[in-house]
Amino acid sequence: MTVQTRKLLKIQTSLFQNDGQSSQLANEFADNWLAANPGGEVVSRNLATNPVPHLDLSRFQALNSDPAERTQEQQAVVDFSDALIQEIRAADTLVFGIPMYNFSVPSSLHAYFDHIARAGVTFRYTENGPEGLLTGKRAYVVITRGGLYGEDHAQTSFIRQFLGFIGITEVEFVHAEGLALSEESRNTALDTARERLAQLA
C-alpha cells in the first residue's frame, strides 16, 4: 500500500519577503508542521519575488476561452493558472503569510486569487449557489497589522469568503496586531502568534 506524502503549500505575500513579519511567522509554522509530519513536503510560493501578473482583458479572455480555439498565447495563460491551481489541489494544508496593506491584502495576493478563481475548475454554479471544488483541505492564515483592527475586519472577511468560495472552509486565522504601536506591543503580539501557530502545527 502506497502512503501518500503530506504536502503543505506556503504562500508568502510580504514586500519584505523573508524579513517580513508575516513571512517569518508562516516560515515558523512550516518548520513546526514539518516536525509534526516527518517525511512531509513544503512547497513555497513567494508572491513578492515571483509575482502573478495582474488580471487584464487579454488574460481574462484567455482564461475563459474555448480550448479548441485558443491561441498559443492564451494557452500559456491557462497553463500558468492551471499550475497555480495544481499546487493547491496537491496540498493537504495551506499557510498564508499576509500583512495588511492599506486596510486590505497585498495586491499580489489579489492577482493570485484572480488566477485561482475559475468557473468549472475551482468552483461551479449550481441551483443552490456556487460550490467550491478544492475541498478536503485546511488553511492557516497569518495576518500581521501595524494597528489594532480585530478579527471582524474586511480583510479577514475577504480571505475567508474567497477560500470558502473555492471550497476551503476549514480556515484558522492567527492575527498579530499592534506591531507598529510600540516595541512591547509588537513583541507581545508576535510571541502570542508564535505560540498559537506552534499549537496549530
N, C-alpha and C. Protein backbone atom coordinates (compact mmCIF):
# COMPACT_ATOMS: atom_id res chain seq x y z
N MET A 1 0.84 -1.19 0.00
CA MET A 1 0.00 0.00 0.00
C MET A 1 0.88 1.25 0.00
N THR A 2 0.61 2.15 -0.93
CA THR A 2 1.41 3.37 -1.05
C THR A 2 0.91 4.44 -0.08
N VAL A 3 1.80 5.00 0.70
CA VAL A 3 1.44 6.07 1.62
C VAL A 3 1.71 7.40 0.94
N GLN A 4 0.68 8.21 0.84
CA GLN A 4 0.82 9.49 0.17
C GLN A 4 1.53 10.50 1.06
N THR A 5 2.49 11.20 0.50
CA THR A 5 3.24 12.21 1.25
C THR A 5 2.35 13.42 1.52
N ARG A 6 2.33 13.85 2.76
CA ARG A 6 1.56 15.04 3.10
C ARG A 6 2.28 16.26 2.56
N LYS A 7 1.51 17.23 2.09
CA LYS A 7 2.09 18.43 1.49
C LYS A 7 1.49 19.69 2.10
N LEU A 8 2.38 20.63 2.36
CA LEU A 8 1.98 21.95 2.84
C LEU A 8 2.36 22.97 1.78
N LEU A 9 1.40 23.79 1.39
CA LEU A 9 1.67 24.90 0.47
C LEU A 9 1.78 26.17 1.28
N LYS A 10 2.94 26.79 1.22
CA LYS A 10 3.21 28.03 1.96
C LYS A 10 3.22 29.20 0.99
N ILE A 11 2.37 30.18 1.25
CA ILE A 11 2.24 31.33 0.36
C ILE A 11 2.61 32.60 1.13
N GLN A 12 3.67 33.26 0.67
CA GLN A 12 4.14 34.50 1.28
C GLN A 12 3.77 35.68 0.39
N THR A 13 3.42 36.80 1.03
CA THR A 13 2.98 37.96 0.26
C THR A 13 3.66 39.26 0.69
N SER A 14 4.50 39.21 1.70
CA SER A 14 5.13 40.43 2.21
C SER A 14 6.13 41.01 1.23
N LEU A 15 6.09 42.33 1.07
CA LEU A 15 7.07 43.03 0.23
C LEU A 15 8.48 42.84 0.77
N PHE A 16 8.58 42.60 2.07
CA PHE A 16 9.89 42.41 2.71
C PHE A 16 10.40 40.97 2.59
N GLN A 17 9.64 40.15 1.87
CA GLN A 17 10.00 38.76 1.62
C GLN A 17 10.23 38.01 2.94
N ASN A 18 11.33 37.31 3.11
CA ASN A 18 11.52 36.53 4.33
C ASN A 18 11.76 37.37 5.57
N ASP A 19 12.05 38.66 5.37
CA ASP A 19 12.23 39.55 6.52
C ASP A 19 10.90 40.08 7.04
N GLY A 20 9.83 39.92 6.29
CA GLY A 20 8.52 40.38 6.72
C GLY A 20 8.02 39.56 7.90
N GLN A 21 7.29 40.21 8.79
CA GLN A 21 6.82 39.51 9.98
C GLN A 21 5.83 38.40 9.64
N SER A 22 4.97 38.65 8.65
CA SER A 22 4.03 37.59 8.25
C SER A 22 4.78 36.41 7.64
N SER A 23 5.85 36.69 6.89
CA SER A 23 6.64 35.62 6.30
C SER A 23 7.36 34.82 7.37
N GLN A 24 7.91 35.50 8.36
CA GLN A 24 8.62 34.81 9.42
C GLN A 24 7.69 33.87 10.19
N LEU A 25 6.47 34.35 10.45
CA LEU A 25 5.50 33.51 11.16
C LEU A 25 5.07 32.32 10.30
N ALA A 26 4.86 32.56 9.01
CA ALA A 26 4.48 31.45 8.12
C ALA A 26 5.62 30.44 8.01
N ASN A 27 6.86 30.92 7.98
CA ASN A 27 8.01 30.02 7.92
C ASN A 27 8.13 29.19 9.19
N GLU A 28 7.87 29.81 10.32
CA GLU A 28 7.92 29.08 11.59
C GLU A 28 6.83 28.01 11.63
N PHE A 29 5.65 28.36 11.12
CA PHE A 29 4.58 27.36 11.06
C PHE A 29 5.01 26.18 10.20
N ALA A 30 5.62 26.47 9.05
CA ALA A 30 6.06 25.40 8.15
C ALA A 30 7.10 24.51 8.82
N ASP A 31 8.02 25.11 9.57
CA ASP A 31 9.02 24.33 10.29
C ASP A 31 8.36 23.42 11.32
N ASN A 32 7.40 23.97 12.06
CA ASN A 32 6.70 23.18 13.08
C ASN A 32 5.86 22.08 12.42
N TRP A 33 5.28 22.40 11.28
CA TRP A 33 4.47 21.41 10.56
C TRP A 33 5.35 20.25 10.10
N LEU A 34 6.54 20.57 9.59
CA LEU A 34 7.46 19.52 9.16
C LEU A 34 7.89 18.63 10.33
N ALA A 35 8.10 19.26 11.48
CA ALA A 35 8.49 18.48 12.65
C ALA A 35 7.37 17.53 13.07
N ALA A 36 6.12 17.96 12.87
CA ALA A 36 4.97 17.13 13.25
C ALA A 36 4.59 16.14 12.15
N ASN A 37 5.13 16.35 10.95
CA ASN A 37 4.82 15.48 9.82
C ASN A 37 6.11 15.00 9.16
N PRO A 38 6.85 14.11 9.81
CA PRO A 38 8.11 13.62 9.24
C PRO A 38 7.88 13.05 7.84
N GLY A 39 8.73 13.44 6.91
CA GLY A 39 8.55 12.98 5.54
C GLY A 39 7.62 13.85 4.73
N GLY A 40 7.01 14.86 5.37
CA GLY A 40 6.14 15.77 4.65
C GLY A 40 6.92 16.69 3.73
N GLU A 41 6.22 17.35 2.84
CA GLU A 41 6.85 18.23 1.86
C GLU A 41 6.23 19.62 1.94
N VAL A 42 7.09 20.63 1.92
CA VAL A 42 6.64 22.01 1.90
C VAL A 42 6.91 22.60 0.52
N VAL A 43 5.88 23.11 -0.11
CA VAL A 43 6.00 23.80 -1.39
C VAL A 43 5.81 25.28 -1.12
N SER A 44 6.75 26.11 -1.54
CA SER A 44 6.71 27.54 -1.24
C SER A 44 6.39 28.36 -2.49
N ARG A 45 5.54 29.34 -2.31
CA ARG A 45 5.26 30.31 -3.37
C ARG A 45 5.36 31.70 -2.76
N ASN A 46 6.34 32.45 -3.22
CA ASN A 46 6.57 33.80 -2.73
C ASN A 46 6.07 34.78 -3.78
N LEU A 47 4.97 35.44 -3.48
CA LEU A 47 4.34 36.33 -4.45
C LEU A 47 5.05 37.68 -4.56
N ALA A 48 6.03 37.92 -3.67
CA ALA A 48 6.82 39.15 -3.79
C ALA A 48 7.98 38.95 -4.76
N THR A 49 8.64 37.80 -4.69
CA THR A 49 9.76 37.53 -5.58
C THR A 49 9.30 37.00 -6.94
N ASN A 50 8.14 36.33 -6.96
CA ASN A 50 7.59 35.79 -8.20
C ASN A 50 6.12 36.21 -8.32
N PRO A 51 5.88 37.46 -8.62
CA PRO A 51 4.50 37.96 -8.64
C PRO A 51 3.69 37.37 -9.79
N VAL A 52 2.42 37.18 -9.52
CA VAL A 52 1.47 36.75 -10.55
C VAL A 52 1.00 38.00 -11.29
N PRO A 53 0.97 37.97 -12.62
CA PRO A 53 0.53 39.16 -13.36
C PRO A 53 -0.89 39.56 -12.97
N HIS A 54 -1.12 40.85 -12.91
CA HIS A 54 -2.48 41.32 -12.62
C HIS A 54 -3.39 40.99 -13.79
N LEU A 55 -4.63 40.73 -13.47
CA LEU A 55 -5.60 40.33 -14.48
C LEU A 55 -5.93 41.51 -15.39
N ASP A 56 -5.74 41.33 -16.69
CA ASP A 56 -6.15 42.33 -17.67
C ASP A 56 -7.10 41.65 -18.65
N LEU A 57 -7.56 42.41 -19.64
CA LEU A 57 -8.57 41.87 -20.55
C LEU A 57 -8.08 40.65 -21.30
N SER A 58 -6.85 40.69 -21.79
CA SER A 58 -6.35 39.56 -22.58
C SER A 58 -6.24 38.30 -21.73
N ARG A 59 -5.78 38.43 -20.49
CA ARG A 59 -5.66 37.26 -19.61
C ARG A 59 -7.05 36.76 -19.23
N PHE A 60 -7.97 37.67 -18.96
CA PHE A 60 -9.34 37.28 -18.63
C PHE A 60 -9.96 36.50 -19.78
N GLN A 61 -9.79 37.01 -20.99
CA GLN A 61 -10.35 36.32 -22.15
C GLN A 61 -9.69 34.96 -22.37
N ALA A 62 -8.40 34.88 -22.10
CA ALA A 62 -7.70 33.60 -22.25
C ALA A 62 -8.25 32.56 -21.29
N LEU A 63 -8.47 32.96 -20.04
CA LEU A 63 -8.95 32.02 -19.04
C LEU A 63 -10.37 31.57 -19.31
N ASN A 64 -11.10 32.33 -20.09
CA ASN A 64 -12.49 31.98 -20.41
C ASN A 64 -12.66 31.54 -21.86
N SER A 65 -11.56 31.24 -22.53
CA SER A 65 -11.61 30.89 -23.94
C SER A 65 -12.00 29.43 -24.16
N ASP A 66 -12.48 29.15 -25.36
CA ASP A 66 -12.80 27.79 -25.77
C ASP A 66 -11.48 27.05 -26.03
N PRO A 67 -11.24 25.92 -25.35
CA PRO A 67 -9.97 25.21 -25.54
C PRO A 67 -9.65 24.89 -27.00
N ALA A 68 -10.67 24.67 -27.79
CA ALA A 68 -10.45 24.30 -29.19
C ALA A 68 -10.03 25.50 -30.04
N GLU A 69 -10.23 26.69 -29.52
CA GLU A 69 -9.94 27.89 -30.32
C GLU A 69 -8.84 28.76 -29.72
N ARG A 70 -8.17 28.28 -28.69
CA ARG A 70 -7.14 29.09 -28.02
C ARG A 70 -5.92 29.28 -28.89
N THR A 71 -5.36 30.47 -28.79
CA THR A 71 -4.07 30.72 -29.41
C THR A 71 -2.98 30.18 -28.48
N GLN A 72 -1.75 30.14 -28.97
CA GLN A 72 -0.64 29.70 -28.13
C GLN A 72 -0.47 30.61 -26.92
N GLU A 73 -0.66 31.91 -27.13
CA GLU A 73 -0.53 32.87 -26.04
C GLU A 73 -1.61 32.63 -24.98
N GLN A 74 -2.82 32.37 -25.42
CA GLN A 74 -3.90 32.10 -24.48
C GLN A 74 -3.67 30.80 -23.73
N GLN A 75 -3.16 29.78 -24.42
CA GLN A 75 -2.89 28.51 -23.76
C GLN A 75 -1.82 28.66 -22.70
N ALA A 76 -0.84 29.52 -22.94
CA ALA A 76 0.21 29.77 -21.95
C ALA A 76 -0.38 30.39 -20.68
N VAL A 77 -1.34 31.29 -20.84
CA VAL A 77 -2.01 31.90 -19.68
C VAL A 77 -2.77 30.84 -18.89
N VAL A 78 -3.49 29.98 -19.61
CA VAL A 78 -4.25 28.92 -18.96
C VAL A 78 -3.31 27.93 -18.25
N ASP A 79 -2.23 27.59 -18.90
CA ASP A 79 -1.26 26.66 -18.29
C ASP A 79 -0.69 27.23 -16.99
N PHE A 80 -0.42 28.53 -16.99
CA PHE A 80 0.11 29.18 -15.79
C PHE A 80 -0.91 29.10 -14.66
N SER A 81 -2.16 29.41 -14.98
CA SER A 81 -3.23 29.32 -13.98
C SER A 81 -3.40 27.89 -13.50
N ASP A 82 -3.37 26.93 -14.41
CA ASP A 82 -3.50 25.52 -14.04
C ASP A 82 -2.41 25.09 -13.06
N ALA A 83 -1.19 25.59 -13.27
CA ALA A 83 -0.07 25.23 -12.40
C ALA A 83 -0.30 25.76 -10.99
N LEU A 84 -0.81 26.99 -10.88
CA LEU A 84 -1.10 27.56 -9.56
C LEU A 84 -2.18 26.74 -8.85
N ILE A 85 -3.20 26.37 -9.60
CA ILE A 85 -4.30 25.60 -9.02
C ILE A 85 -3.83 24.21 -8.61
N GLN A 86 -2.97 23.61 -9.41
CA GLN A 86 -2.48 22.28 -9.09
C GLN A 86 -1.69 22.27 -7.79
N GLU A 87 -0.98 23.35 -7.51
CA GLU A 87 -0.26 23.44 -6.23
C GLU A 87 -1.23 23.34 -5.06
N ILE A 88 -2.36 24.01 -5.19
CA ILE A 88 -3.37 23.94 -4.12
C ILE A 88 -4.01 22.56 -4.08
N ARG A 89 -4.34 22.04 -5.25
CA ARG A 89 -5.01 20.73 -5.32
C ARG A 89 -4.14 19.63 -4.71
N ALA A 90 -2.83 19.74 -4.87
CA ALA A 90 -1.92 18.71 -4.38
C ALA A 90 -1.64 18.82 -2.89
N ALA A 91 -1.99 19.95 -2.28
CA ALA A 91 -1.66 20.19 -0.87
C ALA A 91 -2.78 19.73 0.06
N ASP A 92 -2.37 19.21 1.21
CA ASP A 92 -3.33 18.89 2.27
C ASP A 92 -3.62 20.12 3.12
N THR A 93 -2.57 20.92 3.29
CA THR A 93 -2.62 22.07 4.19
C THR A 93 -2.02 23.28 3.50
N LEU A 94 -2.57 24.45 3.78
CA LEU A 94 -2.03 25.70 3.25
C LEU A 94 -1.77 26.65 4.41
N VAL A 95 -0.71 27.43 4.29
CA VAL A 95 -0.48 28.50 5.24
C VAL A 95 -0.17 29.77 4.44
N PHE A 96 -0.85 30.84 4.80
CA PHE A 96 -0.68 32.13 4.15
C PHE A 96 -0.05 33.11 5.14
N GLY A 97 0.98 33.82 4.69
CA GLY A 97 1.53 34.92 5.47
C GLY A 97 1.09 36.21 4.79
N ILE A 98 0.20 36.98 5.46
CA ILE A 98 -0.43 38.13 4.81
C ILE A 98 -0.35 39.36 5.70
N PRO A 99 0.38 40.39 5.29
CA PRO A 99 0.34 41.66 6.02
C PRO A 99 -0.87 42.47 5.58
N MET A 100 -1.22 43.46 6.37
CA MET A 100 -2.25 44.40 5.96
C MET A 100 -1.59 45.57 5.25
N TYR A 101 -2.01 45.82 4.02
CA TYR A 101 -1.56 46.99 3.26
C TYR A 101 -2.79 47.83 2.91
N ASN A 102 -2.82 49.05 3.40
CA ASN A 102 -3.93 49.95 3.09
C ASN A 102 -5.28 49.29 3.37
N PHE A 103 -5.38 48.68 4.53
CA PHE A 103 -6.61 48.08 5.05
C PHE A 103 -7.05 46.81 4.33
N SER A 104 -6.20 46.26 3.46
CA SER A 104 -6.59 45.07 2.71
C SER A 104 -5.39 44.16 2.52
N VAL A 105 -5.54 43.21 1.60
CA VAL A 105 -4.46 42.27 1.31
C VAL A 105 -3.51 42.89 0.29
N PRO A 106 -2.27 42.43 0.21
CA PRO A 106 -1.37 42.90 -0.84
C PRO A 106 -1.97 42.64 -2.22
N SER A 107 -1.70 43.55 -3.15
CA SER A 107 -2.26 43.39 -4.50
C SER A 107 -1.75 42.12 -5.16
N SER A 108 -0.56 41.66 -4.77
CA SER A 108 -0.02 40.42 -5.33
C SER A 108 -0.90 39.23 -4.99
N LEU A 109 -1.49 39.24 -3.79
CA LEU A 109 -2.38 38.15 -3.40
C LEU A 109 -3.68 38.23 -4.17
N HIS A 110 -4.16 39.44 -4.38
CA HIS A 110 -5.39 39.60 -5.17
C HIS A 110 -5.18 39.07 -6.58
N ALA A 111 -4.03 39.37 -7.17
CA ALA A 111 -3.74 38.87 -8.52
C ALA A 111 -3.68 37.35 -8.52
N TYR A 112 -3.09 36.79 -7.49
CA TYR A 112 -3.03 35.33 -7.35
C TYR A 112 -4.44 34.74 -7.27
N PHE A 113 -5.28 35.32 -6.44
CA PHE A 113 -6.65 34.86 -6.33
C PHE A 113 -7.39 34.94 -7.67
N ASP A 114 -7.12 36.01 -8.42
CA ASP A 114 -7.79 36.18 -9.72
C ASP A 114 -7.47 35.04 -10.68
N HIS A 115 -6.30 34.43 -10.53
CA HIS A 115 -5.91 33.32 -11.40
C HIS A 115 -6.35 31.97 -10.85
N ILE A 116 -6.81 31.97 -9.59
CA ILE A 116 -7.25 30.73 -8.95
C ILE A 116 -8.75 30.52 -9.13
N ALA A 117 -9.52 31.60 -9.09
CA ALA A 117 -10.98 31.50 -9.19
C ALA A 117 -11.41 31.29 -10.64
N ARG A 118 -11.68 30.06 -11.01
CA ARG A 118 -12.07 29.73 -12.38
C ARG A 118 -13.28 28.81 -12.38
N ALA A 119 -14.33 29.31 -13.02
CA ALA A 119 -15.58 28.55 -13.09
C ALA A 119 -15.34 27.22 -13.80
N GLY A 120 -15.86 26.15 -13.19
CA GLY A 120 -15.70 24.82 -13.75
C GLY A 120 -14.40 24.15 -13.38
N VAL A 121 -13.49 24.90 -12.76
CA VAL A 121 -12.19 24.35 -12.36
C VAL A 121 -12.04 24.36 -10.85
N THR A 122 -12.22 25.51 -10.22
CA THR A 122 -12.11 25.60 -8.77
C THR A 122 -13.46 25.90 -8.10
N PHE A 123 -14.46 26.23 -8.89
CA PHE A 123 -15.83 26.39 -8.37
C PHE A 123 -16.79 26.18 -9.53
N ARG A 124 -18.03 25.94 -9.17
CA ARG A 124 -19.08 25.84 -10.19
C ARG A 124 -20.36 26.41 -9.63
N TYR A 125 -21.22 26.84 -10.52
CA TYR A 125 -22.52 27.38 -10.12
C TYR A 125 -23.56 26.27 -10.18
N THR A 126 -24.36 26.19 -9.13
CA THR A 126 -25.42 25.19 -9.05
C THR A 126 -26.74 25.89 -8.74
N GLU A 127 -27.81 25.12 -8.72
CA GLU A 127 -29.12 25.67 -8.38
C GLU A 127 -29.14 26.24 -6.97
N ASN A 128 -28.24 25.74 -6.13
CA ASN A 128 -28.17 26.20 -4.74
C ASN A 128 -27.08 27.24 -4.51
N GLY A 129 -26.53 27.75 -5.61
CA GLY A 129 -25.47 28.75 -5.49
C GLY A 129 -24.12 28.17 -5.84
N PRO A 130 -23.06 28.97 -5.69
CA PRO A 130 -21.72 28.48 -6.06
C PRO A 130 -21.24 27.37 -5.15
N GLU A 131 -20.48 26.45 -5.72
CA GLU A 131 -19.92 25.32 -4.98
C GLU A 131 -18.42 25.26 -5.23
N GLY A 132 -17.63 25.31 -4.15
CA GLY A 132 -16.19 25.21 -4.28
C GLY A 132 -15.75 23.80 -4.58
N LEU A 133 -14.70 23.65 -5.39
CA LEU A 133 -14.25 22.33 -5.82
C LEU A 133 -12.92 21.91 -5.21
N LEU A 134 -12.24 22.82 -4.51
CA LEU A 134 -10.95 22.47 -3.88
C LEU A 134 -11.20 22.11 -2.42
N THR A 135 -11.89 21.01 -2.21
CA THR A 135 -12.31 20.63 -0.87
C THR A 135 -11.30 19.71 -0.18
N GLY A 136 -11.55 19.44 1.09
CA GLY A 136 -10.72 18.50 1.84
C GLY A 136 -9.39 19.05 2.28
N LYS A 137 -9.29 20.36 2.40
CA LYS A 137 -8.03 21.00 2.79
C LYS A 137 -8.24 21.89 4.01
N ARG A 138 -7.16 22.13 4.71
CA ARG A 138 -7.19 23.04 5.85
C ARG A 138 -6.21 24.18 5.59
N ALA A 139 -6.64 25.39 5.91
CA ALA A 139 -5.79 26.55 5.68
C ALA A 139 -5.56 27.30 6.99
N TYR A 140 -4.35 27.79 7.14
CA TYR A 140 -3.98 28.64 8.27
C TYR A 140 -3.54 29.98 7.70
N VAL A 141 -4.15 31.04 8.18
CA VAL A 141 -3.90 32.37 7.64
C VAL A 141 -3.30 33.25 8.74
N VAL A 142 -2.06 33.68 8.52
CA VAL A 142 -1.38 34.56 9.46
C VAL A 142 -1.48 35.98 8.94
N ILE A 143 -2.10 36.85 9.70
CA ILE A 143 -2.28 38.24 9.30
C ILE A 143 -1.54 39.14 10.28
N THR A 144 -0.66 39.99 9.74
CA THR A 144 0.08 40.94 10.57
C THR A 144 -0.39 42.35 10.26
N ARG A 145 -0.55 43.15 11.32
CA ARG A 145 -1.06 44.51 11.16
C ARG A 145 -0.34 45.46 12.10
N GLY A 146 -0.11 46.66 11.62
CA GLY A 146 0.54 47.66 12.45
C GLY A 146 -0.36 48.18 13.54
N GLY A 147 -1.65 48.32 13.25
CA GLY A 147 -2.62 48.82 14.22
C GLY A 147 -3.48 47.71 14.77
N LEU A 148 -4.55 48.12 15.45
CA LEU A 148 -5.47 47.18 16.08
C LEU A 148 -6.81 47.27 15.35
N TYR A 149 -7.20 46.18 14.70
CA TYR A 149 -8.43 46.17 13.91
C TYR A 149 -9.38 45.04 14.28
N GLY A 150 -8.89 44.03 14.96
CA GLY A 150 -9.74 42.93 15.38
C GLY A 150 -9.97 41.91 14.28
N GLU A 151 -10.56 40.80 14.68
CA GLU A 151 -10.79 39.71 13.74
C GLU A 151 -11.98 39.99 12.82
N ASP A 152 -12.89 40.83 13.26
CA ASP A 152 -14.07 41.16 12.46
C ASP A 152 -13.74 42.36 11.57
N HIS A 153 -12.87 42.12 10.60
CA HIS A 153 -12.41 43.19 9.71
C HIS A 153 -12.59 42.74 8.27
N ALA A 154 -12.74 43.71 7.37
CA ALA A 154 -12.99 43.40 5.96
C ALA A 154 -11.88 42.55 5.35
N GLN A 155 -10.63 42.77 5.78
CA GLN A 155 -9.52 41.99 5.24
C GLN A 155 -9.70 40.51 5.57
N THR A 156 -9.98 40.22 6.83
CA THR A 156 -10.20 38.84 7.25
C THR A 156 -11.41 38.24 6.56
N SER A 157 -12.48 39.02 6.48
CA SER A 157 -13.71 38.52 5.86
C SER A 157 -13.49 38.18 4.39
N PHE A 158 -12.72 39.01 3.70
CA PHE A 158 -12.45 38.76 2.28
C PHE A 158 -11.72 37.45 2.08
N ILE A 159 -10.69 37.22 2.88
CA ILE A 159 -9.90 35.99 2.74
C ILE A 159 -10.77 34.78 3.06
N ARG A 160 -11.55 34.86 4.13
CA ARG A 160 -12.42 33.74 4.49
C ARG A 160 -13.44 33.47 3.37
N GLN A 161 -14.02 34.53 2.83
CA GLN A 161 -15.01 34.37 1.77
C GLN A 161 -14.40 33.76 0.51
N PHE A 162 -13.22 34.24 0.13
CA PHE A 162 -12.60 33.70 -1.08
C PHE A 162 -12.25 32.23 -0.93
N LEU A 163 -11.60 31.89 0.17
CA LEU A 163 -11.20 30.50 0.37
C LEU A 163 -12.43 29.59 0.41
N GLY A 164 -13.49 30.05 1.07
CA GLY A 164 -14.72 29.27 1.11
C GLY A 164 -15.34 29.11 -0.26
N PHE A 165 -15.21 30.13 -1.09
CA PHE A 165 -15.78 30.12 -2.43
C PHE A 165 -15.17 29.02 -3.29
N ILE A 166 -13.87 28.74 -3.09
CA ILE A 166 -13.23 27.68 -3.87
C ILE A 166 -13.21 26.34 -3.13
N GLY A 167 -13.88 26.29 -1.98
CA GLY A 167 -14.06 25.02 -1.29
C GLY A 167 -13.24 24.79 -0.05
N ILE A 168 -12.42 25.77 0.32
CA ILE A 168 -11.59 25.62 1.52
C ILE A 168 -12.30 26.31 2.68
N THR A 169 -13.01 25.51 3.46
CA THR A 169 -13.85 26.07 4.53
C THR A 169 -13.25 25.88 5.92
N GLU A 170 -12.28 25.00 6.04
CA GLU A 170 -11.60 24.82 7.33
C GLU A 170 -10.43 25.79 7.39
N VAL A 171 -10.68 26.97 7.93
CA VAL A 171 -9.69 28.04 7.92
C VAL A 171 -9.49 28.56 9.34
N GLU A 172 -8.25 28.62 9.75
CA GLU A 172 -7.88 29.15 11.07
C GLU A 172 -7.08 30.43 10.88
N PHE A 173 -7.53 31.50 11.51
CA PHE A 173 -6.83 32.78 11.41
C PHE A 173 -6.02 33.04 12.68
N VAL A 174 -4.82 33.54 12.47
CA VAL A 174 -3.97 33.98 13.58
C VAL A 174 -3.56 35.42 13.28
N HIS A 175 -4.02 36.35 14.12
CA HIS A 175 -3.74 37.77 13.91
C HIS A 175 -2.63 38.23 14.87
N ALA A 176 -1.67 38.94 14.32
CA ALA A 176 -0.63 39.60 15.12
C ALA A 176 -0.79 41.09 14.87
N GLU A 177 -1.39 41.79 15.83
CA GLU A 177 -1.74 43.19 15.63
C GLU A 177 -0.96 44.11 16.56
N GLY A 178 -1.04 45.40 16.25
CA GLY A 178 -0.37 46.40 17.06
C GLY A 178 1.14 46.39 16.92
N LEU A 179 1.63 45.91 15.77
CA LEU A 179 3.07 45.76 15.60
C LEU A 179 3.80 47.09 15.47
N ALA A 180 3.07 48.14 15.11
CA ALA A 180 3.69 49.45 14.94
C ALA A 180 3.45 50.38 16.13
N LEU A 181 2.75 49.90 17.14
CA LEU A 181 2.39 50.77 18.26
C LEU A 181 3.55 51.00 19.22
N SER A 182 4.24 49.93 19.55
CA SER A 182 5.39 50.03 20.46
C SER A 182 6.16 48.72 20.39
N GLU A 183 7.36 48.74 20.91
CA GLU A 183 8.17 47.52 20.92
C GLU A 183 7.51 46.45 21.79
N GLU A 184 6.96 46.89 22.92
CA GLU A 184 6.29 45.93 23.81
C GLU A 184 5.08 45.31 23.13
N SER A 185 4.28 46.15 22.46
CA SER A 185 3.10 45.65 21.77
C SER A 185 3.49 44.67 20.67
N ARG A 186 4.54 45.02 19.91
CA ARG A 186 4.99 44.15 18.84
C ARG A 186 5.46 42.81 19.37
N ASN A 187 6.30 42.85 20.38
CA ASN A 187 6.86 41.61 20.92
C ASN A 187 5.77 40.71 21.50
N THR A 188 4.83 41.32 22.19
CA THR A 188 3.74 40.55 22.79
C THR A 188 2.89 39.89 21.71
N ALA A 189 2.55 40.66 20.68
CA ALA A 189 1.70 40.13 19.61
C ALA A 189 2.40 39.00 18.85
N LEU A 190 3.68 39.17 18.56
CA LEU A 190 4.41 38.15 17.81
C LEU A 190 4.60 36.88 18.65
N ASP A 191 4.89 37.06 19.94
CA ASP A 191 5.06 35.89 20.81
C ASP A 191 3.75 35.11 20.92
N THR A 192 2.65 35.84 21.05
CA THR A 192 1.34 35.18 21.15
C THR A 192 1.02 34.43 19.87
N ALA A 193 1.31 35.05 18.74
CA ALA A 193 1.06 34.40 17.45
C ALA A 193 1.92 33.15 17.29
N ARG A 194 3.18 33.24 17.69
CA ARG A 194 4.08 32.08 17.58
C ARG A 194 3.58 30.91 18.42
N GLU A 195 3.12 31.21 19.62
CA GLU A 195 2.61 30.15 20.48
C GLU A 195 1.38 29.49 19.87
N ARG A 196 0.49 30.31 19.33
CA ARG A 196 -0.72 29.77 18.72
C ARG A 196 -0.39 28.92 17.49
N LEU A 197 0.52 29.41 16.66
CA LEU A 197 0.88 28.67 15.45
C LEU A 197 1.57 27.35 15.79
N ALA A 198 2.38 27.36 16.84
CA ALA A 198 3.04 26.12 17.26
C ALA A 198 2.01 25.08 17.69
N GLN A 199 0.96 25.55 18.37
CA GLN A 199 -0.10 24.64 18.79
C GLN A 199 -0.83 24.09 17.57
N LEU A 200 -1.12 24.95 16.61
CA LEU A 200 -1.89 24.55 15.44
C LEU A 200 -1.11 23.59 14.54
N ALA A 201 0.20 23.80 14.45
CA ALA A 201 1.02 22.95 13.57
C ALA A 201 1.15 21.54 14.10
